[in-house]
Amino acid sequence: MAVDAMHIPVVDLSPTADGDAAGFQKVAREIAAAAEQSGFLYITGHGTPQALIDRTFEASKAFFARTDAEKMAISLAHSPHFRGYLPIGGFGDSTERAGDLVEAFQAMPELAADDPDVLAGKPLHGANLWPAGMPGFRETVLDYMAALATLSERMLRAFAAALTVPDDMLLSKFRKPISQLRLMHYPAQAPQSAVEAQGVSPHTDTGAFTILAQDANGGLEVQNRDGAWVPAVPIPGAFVVNIGDSIMRWTNDRFVSTPHRVINRSGRDRLSLPYFVNADYDAVIECLPTCQGPDNPAKYPPLNQGPLVYQKFKRIWPSSAARQR
C-alpha cells in the first residue's frame, strides 16, 4: 500500500477532547480518509504539553552526546526484552537494517519485578535499561510515554468511531499494551548523500499505529502510489501519525500501512521520537465486523499482537532474543 496523494493531511484533534459530538464525528471522518488514502496524517490539538515534548528532545540529545562506552553499557544486547541502546551500524544483528545510519534508545512500559507477566517470563515484559549518571532521564522518558499512552487512547476512540464499532472493541485490546518509545539520532549527512545512505531503510511498522515527534530538520519520507517519496515536512507542534500493519489487518486493508524511510539530508544532526502503539501481548488481531461482508471476506487469519512483534524483534535482534529465559 502507498500514499495516494502528494501531501499528508492535517487533522485537528481538539474536538475529541471538548465534548463536541458533531466535531468528534468530523475528526473521525478526517482520520478515516487519511488512513484510507495515505496511511499518514499530522495531528494538532493533541493536548500533549509542548514543554514535555521539548524536555524529551533535550533528554534524547543529552543521551546521544555521551561516550560510546557509556551508551554501550546499556546495549540492547544485554536485555532479554529488547530495551536499551542500539549503536550506529548495529540497528539489528541481521543484515536487514545493518546499513541504517541511526542510533537509538528504546524503552517499553516499566514493569516491576513482581508483575505476574514478568514472573511468568512472558516475552517483551520486563525492566528497561537506564543510563547511569543522567538525573531525570528516566522520569522524563516515562512521563513522555505516559502522555503518549493517553493520546493513543484518544486516537483509538477516533478510529473506533471512524470504523463504526464500539470504543471497547479496540480499547479492550490495549489494557496492558506492549507499546515502545524509541529515541532516535541521525548523524549529519551531506545534503547530496546517495539514496543508499539512508537513516532508516524503507519499511512499514508492525504495530497498530505510530505517533512521531520530529525536530525541524526533516528527513522522513512517505512513498506514494507512483513509487515517489513524499517528504513529511515538520510542522511545529504537530505529531505525525502513521497506520501500522496490525490496524491494516484489523480493517481488512481499508486502512493502509504505508512504506516510509528517513534520509537526513539537512546537513545537521536529526532527532525524532517515534512511539509505536502496540496492543496487549495476547490481544487477538482479527477483521472487524464492519470491515468484512459477503463480497469482502476477511483477508487475514486471526493472530496475536505479541508474537507478531516478538518474532520480528527476534529476527532483527537475535542476540537479545537469546537472553530471553
C-alpha atoms as a PDB file:
ATOM      1  CA  MET A   1       0.000   0.000   0.000  1.00  0.00           C
ATOM      2  CA  ALA A   2       1.218   3.551  -0.637  1.00  0.00           C
ATOM      3  CA  VAL A   3       0.274   7.211  -0.354  1.00  0.00           C
ATOM      4  CA  ASP A   4      -2.443   8.282  -2.787  1.00  0.00           C
ATOM      5  CA  ALA A   5      -1.543  11.972  -2.865  1.00  0.00           C
ATOM      6  CA  MET A   6       1.479  14.263  -2.868  1.00  0.00           C
ATOM      7  CA  HIS A   7       0.590  15.689   0.522  1.00  0.00           C
ATOM      8  CA  ILE A   8      -0.148  14.458   4.027  1.00  0.00           C
ATOM      9  CA  PRO A   9      -3.377  15.774   5.620  1.00  0.00           C
ATOM     10  CA  VAL A  10      -3.523  17.694   8.907  1.00  0.00           C
ATOM     11  CA  VAL A  11      -6.242  16.771  11.430  1.00  0.00           C
ATOM     12  CA  ASP A  12      -7.073  18.917  14.471  1.00  0.00           C
ATOM     13  CA  LEU A  13      -7.950  16.614  17.386  1.00  0.00           C
ATOM     14  CA  SER A  14      -9.329  19.383  19.605  1.00  0.00           C
ATOM     15  CA  PRO A  15     -12.993  18.332  19.191  1.00  0.00           C
ATOM     16  CA  THR A  16     -12.167  14.887  20.593  1.00  0.00           C
ATOM     17  CA  ALA A  17     -11.460  16.464  23.992  1.00  0.00           C
ATOM     18  CA  ASP A  18     -14.186  19.101  24.410  1.00  0.00           C
ATOM     19  CA  GLY A  19     -17.368  17.010  24.286  1.00  0.00           C
ATOM     20  CA  ASP A  20     -18.419  18.248  20.851  1.00  0.00           C
ATOM     21  CA  ALA A  21     -20.161  15.174  19.418  1.00  0.00           C
ATOM     22  CA  ALA A  22     -20.519  16.592  15.923  1.00  0.00           C
ATOM     23  CA  GLY A  23     -16.917  17.769  15.983  1.00  0.00           C
ATOM     24  CA  PHE A  24     -15.763  14.343  17.144  1.00  0.00           C
ATOM     25  CA  GLN A  25     -17.512  12.667  14.216  1.00  0.00           C
ATOM     26  CA  LYS A  26     -15.932  15.170  11.826  1.00  0.00           C
ATOM     27  CA  VAL A  27     -12.477  14.344  13.214  1.00  0.00           C
ATOM     28  CA  ALA A  28     -13.224  10.622  12.887  1.00  0.00           C
ATOM     29  CA  ARG A  29     -14.169  11.077   9.231  1.00  0.00           C
ATOM     30  CA  GLU A  30     -10.992  13.063   8.556  1.00  0.00           C
ATOM     31  CA  ILE A  31      -8.844  10.423  10.240  1.00  0.00           C
ATOM     32  CA  ALA A  32     -10.570   7.670   8.263  1.00  0.00           C
ATOM     33  CA  ALA A  33      -9.967   9.498   4.985  1.00  0.00           C
ATOM     34  CA  ALA A  34      -6.271   9.921   5.789  1.00  0.00           C
ATOM     35  CA  ALA A  35      -5.932   6.315   6.967  1.00  0.00           C
ATOM     36  CA  GLU A  36      -7.586   5.017   3.813  1.00  0.00           C
ATOM     37  CA  GLN A  37      -5.877   7.252   1.284  1.00  0.00           C
ATOM     38  CA  SER A  38      -2.345   7.696   2.585  1.00  0.00           C
ATOM     39  CA  GLY A  39      -1.905   5.888   5.893  1.00  0.00           C
ATOM     40  CA  PHE A  40      -0.225   9.061   7.188  1.00  0.00           C
ATOM     41  CA  LEU A  41      -1.514  12.253   8.802  1.00  0.00           C
ATOM     42  CA  TYR A  42      -0.386  15.102  11.014  1.00  0.00           C
ATOM     43  CA  ILE A  43      -2.321  15.736  14.227  1.00  0.00           C
ATOM     44  CA  THR A  44      -2.623  19.055  16.034  1.00  0.00           C
ATOM     45  CA  GLY A  45      -4.721  19.903  19.089  1.00  0.00           C
ATOM     46  CA  HIS A  46      -3.437  16.684  20.649  1.00  0.00           C
ATOM     47  CA  GLY A  47      -3.097  18.035  24.194  1.00  0.00           C
ATOM     48  CA  THR A  48       0.456  16.808  24.818  1.00  0.00           C
ATOM     49  CA  PRO A  49       2.328  19.674  26.536  1.00  0.00           C
ATOM     50  CA  GLN A  50       4.980  21.202  24.308  1.00  0.00           C
ATOM     51  CA  ALA A  51       7.187  21.594  27.379  1.00  0.00           C
ATOM     52  CA  LEU A  52       7.186  17.818  27.855  1.00  0.00           C
ATOM     53  CA  ILE A  53       7.990  17.208  24.184  1.00  0.00           C
ATOM     54  CA  ASP A  54      10.860  19.721  24.393  1.00  0.00           C
ATOM     55  CA  ARG A  55      12.136  18.148  27.612  1.00  0.00           C
ATOM     56  CA  THR A  56      12.153  14.717  25.978  1.00  0.00           C
ATOM     57  CA  PHE A  57      14.107  16.016  22.993  1.00  0.00           C
ATOM     58  CA  GLU A  58      16.634  17.589  25.376  1.00  0.00           C
ATOM     59  CA  ALA A  59      16.971  14.302  27.279  1.00  0.00           C
ATOM     60  CA  SER A  60      17.482  12.491  23.981  1.00  0.00           C
ATOM     61  CA  LYS A  61      20.139  14.984  22.858  1.00  0.00           C
ATOM     62  CA  ALA A  62      21.970  14.614  26.165  1.00  0.00           C
ATOM     63  CA  PHE A  63      21.913  10.832  25.950  1.00  0.00           C
ATOM     64  CA  PHE A  64      23.328  10.677  22.429  1.00  0.00           C
ATOM     65  CA  ALA A  65      26.067  13.159  23.383  1.00  0.00           C
ATOM     66  CA  ARG A  66      27.501  10.593  25.807  1.00  0.00           C
ATOM     67  CA  THR A  67      30.532   8.482  25.033  1.00  0.00           C
ATOM     68  CA  ASP A  68      30.147   5.234  23.129  1.00  0.00           C
ATOM     69  CA  ALA A  69      31.231   3.322  26.230  1.00  0.00           C
ATOM     70  CA  GLU A  70      28.565   4.979  28.368  1.00  0.00           C
ATOM     71  CA  LYS A  71      25.857   4.223  25.836  1.00  0.00           C
ATOM     72  CA  MET A  72      27.016   0.668  25.203  1.00  0.00           C
ATOM     73  CA  ALA A  73      26.812  -0.017  28.942  1.00  0.00           C
ATOM     74  CA  ILE A  74      23.069  -0.349  28.369  1.00  0.00           C
ATOM     75  CA  SER A  75      23.257  -2.065  24.981  1.00  0.00           C
ATOM     76  CA  LEU A  76      20.089  -3.768  23.820  1.00  0.00           C
ATOM     77  CA  ALA A  77      22.200  -6.900  23.507  1.00  0.00           C
ATOM     78  CA  HIS A  78      22.183  -7.027  27.339  1.00  0.00           C
ATOM     79  CA  SER A  79      18.381  -7.031  27.523  1.00  0.00           C
ATOM     80  CA  PRO A  80      16.111 -10.065  27.123  1.00  0.00           C
ATOM     81  CA  HIS A  81      13.241  -7.637  26.476  1.00  0.00           C
ATOM     82  CA  PHE A  82      14.610  -5.612  23.519  1.00  0.00           C
ATOM     83  CA  ARG A  83      15.248  -2.467  25.548  1.00  0.00           C
ATOM     84  CA  GLY A  84      18.312  -0.264  25.673  1.00  0.00           C
ATOM     85  CA  TYR A  85      20.819   1.259  23.257  1.00  0.00           C
ATOM     86  CA  LEU A  86      21.367   0.466  19.576  1.00  0.00           C
ATOM     87  CA  PRO A  87      24.576   1.863  18.051  1.00  0.00           C
ATOM     88  CA  ILE A  88      25.008   3.229  14.555  1.00  0.00           C
ATOM     89  CA  GLY A  89      25.606   0.371  12.174  1.00  0.00           C
ATOM     90  CA  GLY A  90      24.108  -2.069  14.631  1.00  0.00           C
ATOM     91  CA  PHE A  91      20.411  -1.492  14.124  1.00  0.00           C
ATOM     92  CA  GLY A  92      19.909  -5.200  14.019  1.00  0.00           C
ATOM     93  CA  ASP A  93      22.248  -8.171  14.254  1.00  0.00           C
ATOM     94  CA  SER A  94      20.988  -9.350  10.878  1.00  0.00           C
ATOM     95  CA  THR A  95      21.825  -7.635   7.589  1.00  0.00           C
ATOM     96  CA  GLU A  96      18.227  -6.431   7.285  1.00  0.00           C
ATOM     97  CA  ARG A  97      18.915  -2.959   8.680  1.00  0.00           C
ATOM     98  CA  ALA A  98      22.657  -3.097   9.326  1.00  0.00           C
ATOM     99  CA  GLY A  99      23.388  -0.181   6.999  1.00  0.00           C
ATOM    100  CA  ASP A 100      20.974   2.275   8.607  1.00  0.00           C
ATOM    101  CA  LEU A 101      22.714   5.464   9.735  1.00  0.00           C
ATOM    102  CA  VAL A 102      20.955   5.868  13.063  1.00  0.00           C
ATOM    103  CA  GLU A 103      21.452   5.154  16.745  1.00  0.00           C
ATOM    104  CA  ALA A 104      18.613   4.679  19.181  1.00  0.00           C
ATOM    105  CA  PHE A 105      17.482   4.138  22.749  1.00  0.00           C
ATOM    106  CA  GLN A 106      14.283   2.205  23.275  1.00  0.00           C
ATOM    107  CA  ALA A 107      12.007   1.633  26.232  1.00  0.00           C
ATOM    108  CA  MET A 108       8.717  -0.115  26.844  1.00  0.00           C
ATOM    109  CA  PRO A 109       6.227   0.048  29.748  1.00  0.00           C
ATOM    110  CA  GLU A 110       8.146  -0.178  33.015  1.00  0.00           C
ATOM    111  CA  LEU A 111       7.140  -3.337  34.883  1.00  0.00           C
ATOM    112  CA  ALA A 112       8.007  -4.299  38.447  1.00  0.00           C
ATOM    113  CA  ALA A 113       9.899  -7.499  39.230  1.00  0.00           C
ATOM    114  CA  ASP A 114       6.773  -8.980  40.830  1.00  0.00           C
ATOM    115  CA  ASP A 115       4.485  -8.253  37.864  1.00  0.00           C
ATOM    116  CA  PRO A 116       2.688 -11.519  37.006  1.00  0.00           C
ATOM    117  CA  ASP A 117       3.779 -11.402  33.364  1.00  0.00           C
ATOM    118  CA  VAL A 118       7.387 -10.745  34.386  1.00  0.00           C
ATOM    119  CA  LEU A 119       7.299 -13.651  36.837  1.00  0.00           C
ATOM    120  CA  ALA A 120       5.826 -15.860  34.116  1.00  0.00           C
ATOM    121  CA  GLY A 121       8.652 -14.930  31.736  1.00  0.00           C
ATOM    122  CA  LYS A 122       6.287 -13.610  29.090  1.00  0.00           C
ATOM    123  CA  PRO A 123       8.289 -12.169  26.167  1.00  0.00           C
ATOM    124  CA  LEU A 124       8.584  -8.365  25.948  1.00  0.00           C
ATOM    125  CA  HIS A 125       7.633  -7.936  29.632  1.00  0.00           C
ATOM    126  CA  GLY A 126      10.349  -6.735  31.982  1.00  0.00           C
ATOM    127  CA  ALA A 127      12.552  -3.864  33.077  1.00  0.00           C
ATOM    128  CA  ASN A 128      14.047  -1.097  30.965  1.00  0.00           C
ATOM    129  CA  LEU A 129      17.771  -0.370  30.896  1.00  0.00           C
ATOM    130  CA  TRP A 130      18.555   3.154  32.101  1.00  0.00           C
ATOM    131  CA  PRO A 131      21.800   5.120  31.701  1.00  0.00           C
ATOM    132  CA  ALA A 132      23.811   5.878  34.844  1.00  0.00           C
ATOM    133  CA  GLY A 133      24.647   9.441  35.761  1.00  0.00           C
ATOM    134  CA  MET A 134      21.709  11.092  33.984  1.00  0.00           C
ATOM    135  CA  PRO A 135      19.386  12.502  36.669  1.00  0.00           C
ATOM    136  CA  GLY A 136      15.852  12.989  35.379  1.00  0.00           C
ATOM    137  CA  PHE A 137      16.317  10.985  32.181  1.00  0.00           C
ATOM    138  CA  ARG A 138      14.241   8.022  33.325  1.00  0.00           C
ATOM    139  CA  GLU A 139      11.499  10.270  34.709  1.00  0.00           C
ATOM    140  CA  THR A 140      11.302  12.299  31.504  1.00  0.00           C
ATOM    141  CA  VAL A 141      11.077   9.218  29.290  1.00  0.00           C
ATOM    142  CA  LEU A 142       8.386   7.638  31.466  1.00  0.00           C
ATOM    143  CA  ASP A 143       6.404  10.917  31.624  1.00  0.00           C
ATOM    144  CA  TYR A 144       6.501  11.169  27.847  1.00  0.00           C
ATOM    145  CA  MET A 145       5.422   7.564  27.419  1.00  0.00           C
ATOM    146  CA  ALA A 146       2.504   8.122  29.799  1.00  0.00           C
ATOM    147  CA  ALA A 147       1.377  11.198  27.855  1.00  0.00           C
ATOM    148  CA  LEU A 148       1.569   9.342  24.538  1.00  0.00           C
ATOM    149  CA  ALA A 149      -0.349   6.396  26.013  1.00  0.00           C
ATOM    150  CA  THR A 150      -3.152   8.831  26.878  1.00  0.00           C
ATOM    151  CA  LEU A 151      -3.039  10.319  23.385  1.00  0.00           C
ATOM    152  CA  SER A 152      -3.148   6.854  21.835  1.00  0.00           C
ATOM    153  CA  GLU A 153      -6.439   6.204  23.660  1.00  0.00           C
ATOM    154  CA  ARG A 154      -7.912   9.338  22.062  1.00  0.00           C
ATOM    155  CA  MET A 155      -6.764   8.113  18.680  1.00  0.00           C
ATOM    156  CA  LEU A 156      -8.251   4.672  19.287  1.00  0.00           C
ATOM    157  CA  ARG A 157     -11.629   6.208  20.150  1.00  0.00           C
ATOM    158  CA  ALA A 158     -11.487   8.190  16.909  1.00  0.00           C
ATOM    159  CA  PHE A 159     -10.519   5.066  14.955  1.00  0.00           C
ATOM    160  CA  ALA A 160     -13.467   3.210  16.515  1.00  0.00           C
ATOM    161  CA  ALA A 161     -15.855   5.992  15.517  1.00  0.00           C
ATOM    162  CA  ALA A 162     -14.404   6.047  12.003  1.00  0.00           C
ATOM    163  CA  LEU A 163     -14.944   2.287  11.715  1.00  0.00           C
ATOM    164  CA  THR A 164     -18.406   2.443  13.350  1.00  0.00           C
ATOM    165  CA  VAL A 165     -17.545  -0.048  16.081  1.00  0.00           C
ATOM    166  CA  PRO A 166     -17.915   0.399  19.862  1.00  0.00           C
ATOM    167  CA  ASP A 167     -14.937   2.053  21.573  1.00  0.00           C
ATOM    168  CA  ASP A 168     -14.265  -1.022  23.642  1.00  0.00           C
ATOM    169  CA  MET A 169     -13.845  -3.225  20.590  1.00  0.00           C
ATOM    170  CA  LEU A 170     -10.455  -1.519  20.189  1.00  0.00           C
ATOM    171  CA  LEU A 171      -9.721  -0.170  23.677  1.00  0.00           C
ATOM    172  CA  SER A 172     -10.157  -3.608  25.241  1.00  0.00           C
ATOM    173  CA  LYS A 173      -7.116  -4.717  23.236  1.00  0.00           C
ATOM    174  CA  PHE A 174      -4.930  -2.038  24.869  1.00  0.00           C
ATOM    175  CA  ARG A 175      -5.271  -2.718  28.623  1.00  0.00           C
ATOM    176  CA  LYS A 176      -1.576  -3.610  29.019  1.00  0.00           C
ATOM    177  CA  PRO A 177      -0.074  -2.626  25.680  1.00  0.00           C
ATOM    178  CA  ILE A 178       3.437  -3.552  24.615  1.00  0.00           C
ATOM    179  CA  SER A 179       3.983  -0.104  23.123  1.00  0.00           C
ATOM    180  CA  GLN A 180       7.512   1.144  22.606  1.00  0.00           C
ATOM    181  CA  LEU A 181       9.221   4.544  22.655  1.00  0.00           C
ATOM    182  CA  ARG A 182      12.371   4.891  20.582  1.00  0.00           C
ATOM    183  CA  LEU A 183      14.653   7.923  20.883  1.00  0.00           C
ATOM    184  CA  MET A 184      16.495   8.219  17.567  1.00  0.00           C
ATOM    185  CA  HIS A 185      19.571  10.165  16.487  1.00  0.00           C
ATOM    186  CA  TYR A 186      20.582  10.502  12.829  1.00  0.00           C
ATOM    187  CA  PRO A 187      24.079  11.934  12.341  1.00  0.00           C
ATOM    188  CA  ALA A 188      24.561  14.764   9.880  1.00  0.00           C
ATOM    189  CA  GLN A 189      24.970  13.699   6.267  1.00  0.00           C
ATOM    190  CA  ALA A 190      25.890  15.735   3.229  1.00  0.00           C
ATOM    191  CA  PRO A 191      22.769  17.192   1.539  1.00  0.00           C
ATOM    192  CA  GLN A 192      23.768  15.333  -1.639  1.00  0.00           C
ATOM    193  CA  SER A 193      24.014  11.956   0.105  1.00  0.00           C
ATOM    194  CA  ALA A 194      23.262   8.993  -2.130  1.00  0.00           C
ATOM    195  CA  VAL A 195      19.862   7.415  -1.639  1.00  0.00           C
ATOM    196  CA  GLU A 196      21.604   4.291  -0.371  1.00  0.00           C
ATOM    197  CA  ALA A 197      22.919   6.272   2.611  1.00  0.00           C
ATOM    198  CA  GLN A 198      19.650   6.030   4.484  1.00  0.00           C
ATOM    199  CA  GLY A 199      18.996   6.807   8.112  1.00  0.00           C
ATOM    200  CA  VAL A 200      16.212   4.199   8.116  1.00  0.00           C
ATOM    201  CA  SER A 201      15.544   1.898   5.171  1.00  0.00           C
ATOM    202  CA  PRO A 202      12.042   1.672   3.638  1.00  0.00           C
ATOM    203  CA  HIS A 203       9.704  -0.278   5.906  1.00  0.00           C
ATOM    204  CA  THR A 204       6.228  -0.433   7.413  1.00  0.00           C
ATOM    205  CA  ASP A 205       5.509  -0.531  11.153  1.00  0.00           C
ATOM    206  CA  THR A 206       4.371  -3.773  12.743  1.00  0.00           C
ATOM    207  CA  GLY A 207       2.009  -2.476  15.417  1.00  0.00           C
ATOM    208  CA  ALA A 208      -1.288  -0.614  15.376  1.00  0.00           C
ATOM    209  CA  PHE A 209      -0.020   2.899  14.645  1.00  0.00           C
ATOM    210  CA  THR A 210       2.903   5.199  15.399  1.00  0.00           C
ATOM    211  CA  ILE A 211       2.939   8.707  16.899  1.00  0.00           C
ATOM    212  CA  LEU A 212       6.071  10.607  15.875  1.00  0.00           C
ATOM    213  CA  ALA A 213       7.604  13.840  17.117  1.00  0.00           C
ATOM    214  CA  GLN A 214      10.372  15.067  14.820  1.00  0.00           C
ATOM    215  CA  ASP A 215      12.727  18.022  15.062  1.00  0.00           C
ATOM    216  CA  ALA A 216      12.872  20.798  12.462  1.00  0.00           C
ATOM    217  CA  ASN A 217      15.469  19.135  10.240  1.00  0.00           C
ATOM    218  CA  GLY A 218      13.165  16.887   8.226  1.00  0.00           C
ATOM    219  CA  GLY A 219      14.178  13.639   6.540  1.00  0.00           C
ATOM    220  CA  LEU A 220      11.065  11.473   6.901  1.00  0.00           C
ATOM    221  CA  GLU A 221       9.663  10.445   3.513  1.00  0.00           C
ATOM    222  CA  VAL A 222       6.485   8.532   2.622  1.00  0.00           C
ATOM    223  CA  GLN A 223       6.027   6.511  -0.557  1.00  0.00           C
ATOM    224  CA  ASN A 224       3.087   7.414  -2.784  1.00  0.00           C
ATOM    225  CA  ARG A 225       1.238   5.080  -5.131  1.00  0.00           C
ATOM    226  CA  ASP A 226       3.507   6.040  -8.025  1.00  0.00           C
ATOM    227  CA  GLY A 227       6.567   4.988  -6.046  1.00  0.00           C
ATOM    228  CA  ALA A 228       7.732   8.570  -5.443  1.00  0.00           C
ATOM    229  CA  TRP A 229       8.887   9.660  -1.992  1.00  0.00           C
ATOM    230  CA  VAL A 230       6.874  12.475  -0.414  1.00  0.00           C
ATOM    231  CA  PRO A 231       8.579  14.463   2.386  1.00  0.00           C
ATOM    232  CA  ALA A 232       6.740  14.597   5.725  1.00  0.00           C
ATOM    233  CA  VAL A 233       7.827  18.180   6.352  1.00  0.00           C
ATOM    234  CA  PRO A 234       7.959  19.014  10.097  1.00  0.00           C
ATOM    235  CA  ILE A 235       5.051  21.135  11.326  1.00  0.00           C
ATOM    236  CA  PRO A 236       5.733  22.901  14.649  1.00  0.00           C
ATOM    237  CA  GLY A 237       3.593  21.464  17.442  1.00  0.00           C
ATOM    238  CA  ALA A 238       2.214  18.624  15.300  1.00  0.00           C
ATOM    239  CA  PHE A 239       2.770  14.891  15.547  1.00  0.00           C
ATOM    240  CA  VAL A 240       2.980  12.616  12.518  1.00  0.00           C
ATOM    241  CA  VAL A 241       0.768   9.514  12.817  1.00  0.00           C
ATOM    242  CA  ASN A 242       1.040   6.513  10.544  1.00  0.00           C
ATOM    243  CA  ILE A 243      -1.020   3.354  10.288  1.00  0.00           C
ATOM    244  CA  GLY A 244       0.757   0.085  11.124  1.00  0.00           C
ATOM    245  CA  ASP A 245       0.373  -3.454   9.857  1.00  0.00           C
ATOM    246  CA  SER A 246      -1.893  -4.533  12.736  1.00  0.00           C
ATOM    247  CA  ILE A 247      -4.665  -1.989  12.081  1.00  0.00           C
ATOM    248  CA  MET A 248      -4.379  -2.712   8.377  1.00  0.00           C
ATOM    249  CA  ARG A 249      -5.178  -6.351   9.252  1.00  0.00           C
ATOM    250  CA  TRP A 250      -7.966  -5.301  11.645  1.00  0.00           C
ATOM    251  CA  THR A 251      -9.564  -3.215   8.885  1.00  0.00           C
ATOM    252  CA  ASN A 252      -9.096  -5.767   6.085  1.00  0.00           C
ATOM    253  CA  ASP A 253      -6.808  -3.337   4.215  1.00  0.00           C
ATOM    254  CA  ARG A 254      -9.268  -0.444   4.486  1.00  0.00           C
ATOM    255  CA  PHE A 255      -6.609   1.481   6.449  1.00  0.00           C
ATOM    256  CA  VAL A 256      -3.201   1.287   4.772  1.00  0.00           C
ATOM    257  CA  SER A 257       0.225   0.655   6.294  1.00  0.00           C
ATOM    258  CA  THR A 258       2.496   2.712   4.074  1.00  0.00           C
ATOM    259  CA  PRO A 259       6.229   2.315   3.377  1.00  0.00           C
ATOM    260  CA  HIS A 260       8.376   5.134   4.726  1.00  0.00           C
ATOM    261  CA  ARG A 261      12.071   5.895   5.201  1.00  0.00           C
ATOM    262  CA  VAL A 262      14.443   8.527   6.592  1.00  0.00           C
ATOM    263  CA  ILE A 263      17.321  10.222   4.768  1.00  0.00           C
ATOM    264  CA  ASN A 264      18.887  13.047   6.767  1.00  0.00           C
ATOM    265  CA  ARG A 265      19.923  15.462   4.030  1.00  0.00           C
ATOM    266  CA  SER A 266      19.748  18.517   6.328  1.00  0.00           C
ATOM    267  CA  GLY A 267      23.491  18.631   6.985  1.00  0.00           C
ATOM    268  CA  ARG A 268      22.668  18.680  10.710  1.00  0.00           C
ATOM    269  CA  ASP A 269      22.035  16.046  13.346  1.00  0.00           C
ATOM    270  CA  ARG A 270      18.400  14.918  13.416  1.00  0.00           C
ATOM    271  CA  LEU A 271      16.390  13.713  16.416  1.00  0.00           C
ATOM    272  CA  SER A 272      13.000  12.008  16.414  1.00  0.00           C
ATOM    273  CA  LEU A 273      10.740  10.340  18.973  1.00  0.00           C
ATOM    274  CA  PRO A 274       8.570   7.576  17.484  1.00  0.00           C
ATOM    275  CA  TYR A 275       6.079   5.969  19.870  1.00  0.00           C
ATOM    276  CA  PHE A 276       4.938   2.627  18.465  1.00  0.00           C
ATOM    277  CA  VAL A 277       1.431   1.814  19.701  1.00  0.00           C
ATOM    278  CA  ASN A 278       1.067  -1.942  20.071  1.00  0.00           C
ATOM    279  CA  ALA A 279      -1.883  -3.825  21.537  1.00  0.00           C
ATOM    280  CA  ASP A 280      -1.638  -6.184  24.520  1.00  0.00           C
ATOM    281  CA  TYR A 281       0.614  -9.199  24.036  1.00  0.00           C
ATOM    282  CA  ASP A 282      -2.363 -11.590  23.976  1.00  0.00           C
ATOM    283  CA  ALA A 283      -4.709  -9.296  22.019  1.00  0.00           C
ATOM    284  CA  VAL A 284      -6.238 -11.045  19.022  1.00  0.00           C
ATOM    285  CA  ILE A 285      -5.962  -9.154  15.750  1.00  0.00           C
ATOM    286  CA  GLU A 286      -8.862 -10.186  13.541  1.00  0.00           C
ATOM    287  CA  CYS A 287     -11.004  -8.479  10.951  1.00  0.00           C
ATOM    288  CA  LEU A 288     -13.538  -6.065  12.452  1.00  0.00           C
ATOM    289  CA  PRO A 289     -17.181  -6.822  11.658  1.00  0.00           C
ATOM    290  CA  THR A 290     -17.668  -3.531   9.800  1.00  0.00           C
ATOM    291  CA  CYS A 291     -14.710  -4.260   7.528  1.00  0.00           C
ATOM    292  CA  GLN A 292     -15.955  -7.511   6.034  1.00  0.00           C
ATOM    293  CA  GLY A 293     -19.034  -8.940   4.353  1.00  0.00           C
ATOM    294  CA  PRO A 294     -20.225 -11.459   1.757  1.00  0.00           C
ATOM    295  CA  ASP A 295     -18.453  -9.555  -1.021  1.00  0.00           C
ATOM    296  CA  ASN A 296     -15.465  -8.608   1.136  1.00  0.00           C
ATOM    297  CA  PRO A 297     -14.313 -11.625   3.175  1.00  0.00           C
ATOM    298  CA  ALA A 298     -11.562 -11.342   5.772  1.00  0.00           C
ATOM    299  CA  LYS A 299      -8.161 -11.487   4.058  1.00  0.00           C
ATOM    300  CA  TYR A 300      -6.071 -12.430   7.085  1.00  0.00           C
ATOM    301  CA  PRO A 301      -6.374 -15.148   9.732  1.00  0.00           C
ATOM    302  CA  PRO A 302      -6.559 -14.041  13.388  1.00  0.00           C
ATOM    303  CA  LEU A 303      -3.256 -13.726  15.222  1.00  0.00           C
ATOM    304  CA  ASN A 304      -1.923 -12.326  18.494  1.00  0.00           C
ATOM    305  CA  GLN A 305      -0.146  -8.976  18.643  1.00  0.00           C
ATOM    306  CA  GLY A 306       2.650 -10.061  20.974  1.00  0.00           C
ATOM    307  CA  PRO A 307       4.049 -12.975  18.952  1.00  0.00           C
ATOM    308  CA  LEU A 308       3.879 -10.835  15.792  1.00  0.00           C
ATOM    309  CA  VAL A 309       6.072  -8.150  17.393  1.00  0.00           C
ATOM    310  CA  TYR A 310       8.271 -10.645  19.219  1.00  0.00           C
ATOM    311  CA  GLN A 311       9.073 -12.666  16.110  1.00  0.00           C
ATOM    312  CA  LYS A 312      10.075  -9.513  14.254  1.00  0.00           C
ATOM    313  CA  PHE A 313      12.307  -8.406  17.133  1.00  0.00           C
ATOM    314  CA  LYS A 314      13.866 -11.872  17.334  1.00  0.00           C
ATOM    315  CA  ARG A 315      14.693 -11.736  13.655  1.00  0.00           C
ATOM    316  CA  ILE A 316      16.260  -8.277  13.871  1.00  0.00           C
ATOM    317  CA  TRP A 317      17.983  -8.659  17.260  1.00  0.00           C
ATOM    318  CA  PRO A 318      18.732 -12.360  17.828  1.00  0.00           C
ATOM    319  CA  SER A 319      21.410 -11.636  20.452  1.00  0.00           C
ATOM    320  CA  SER A 320      18.800 -10.021  22.681  1.00  0.00           C
ATOM    321  CA  ALA A 321      16.315 -12.809  21.983  1.00  0.00           C
ATOM    322  CA  ALA A 322      18.917 -15.353  23.106  1.00  0.00           C
ATOM    323  CA  ARG A 323      18.797 -13.849  26.593  1.00  0.00           C
ATOM    324  CA  GLN A 324      15.057 -14.490  26.889  1.00  0.00           C
ATOM    325  CA  ARG A 325      14.620 -17.058  29.628  1.00  0.00           C
END
